[in-house]
């Protein structure tokens, strides 16, 4: 039994699974591993510069991978898109901001364009702008996101646009991928599931803490963005594990802003040392499912195998 969908057929992959382009986590080695297993890995450019992206693309070797960008950051560094396009990525993944300024460049190269959204209005706009796929991201996702939950958002967007929809947010195993397909998605984006993989760029101490954490330990806030001095648009907050730093400042971000210089310096020092009682572990509610560090290829194939088994047995188990 093979998992076939608009995503596998359009991208020429075997498994309808995309690695989330997580800033600081999804580098060339992790992206290549997911692609090698049959999904499609994305390098998360985040806030980095051209030299960093060049290095990570090199680490991907001959594996076909995609490049992901934070769209409002890309607007400040527009040279990064043509640089990425010159390296013939399998797809371009744009999140958090208007895709209209960038869509024509991607479409001219014949490269699939994936746009991540959090609302119906954003989905309709992305479809009109020429997105080949729309990722419906629920609030369960790690990192930045918005308010709507994955389960109702995916079918709502699937009904609202004539573009294939990919589910994201809280999907960390075969059960999640199978559910996403039943909701009308043609695949899923997974991030947290790969956070502790050996190939991930996550700090070793952060991986260790993630293995014993629960989705109950996560929260959405702007605290860590303020501490890092990153001026994120207010509509998107960041899901992380709670720690002493977030417990101190959540609910009092105005005071944090007033102490931004000193607290920012303290945060930067903690991040450099791997002190995650202060620095953020950026991961989603699917952290419950991350209980051991496994190679990314193994994770990808396990998700695919479990999804196939669930879909194959669904009728026998639930229809009488």
Foldseek 3Di string as FASTA:
>chain_A
DFQDFPQCVVLVFGAQEEAPQDPLWQFLQLQLLLQVLGYAYEHNCELHDDVRNVVRVVSVPPRAHEYEYAVVSCVVVVVNVVVRVVVPHSAYEYEHDDCLVPLVVCVVSVHAYEYEDADLVVLVRVVVSPHQEYEHAAPQWWFKDAHHHQQVRLLVNLVRHPHAYEYEHLDQALVSQLSSVVSRHSGYYDYQNQRLAPSISHDNLLSVVLLPDALVQKDWDCQQVLLQVHDHPPRMTGIWGDAQQCVVCVVPVVVCNVVNVVSSVVQVVCVVVVNCNRHTNTGGRNSVVRNDHHHSSVSSVRRRVSNVVCVVCVCVVPPD
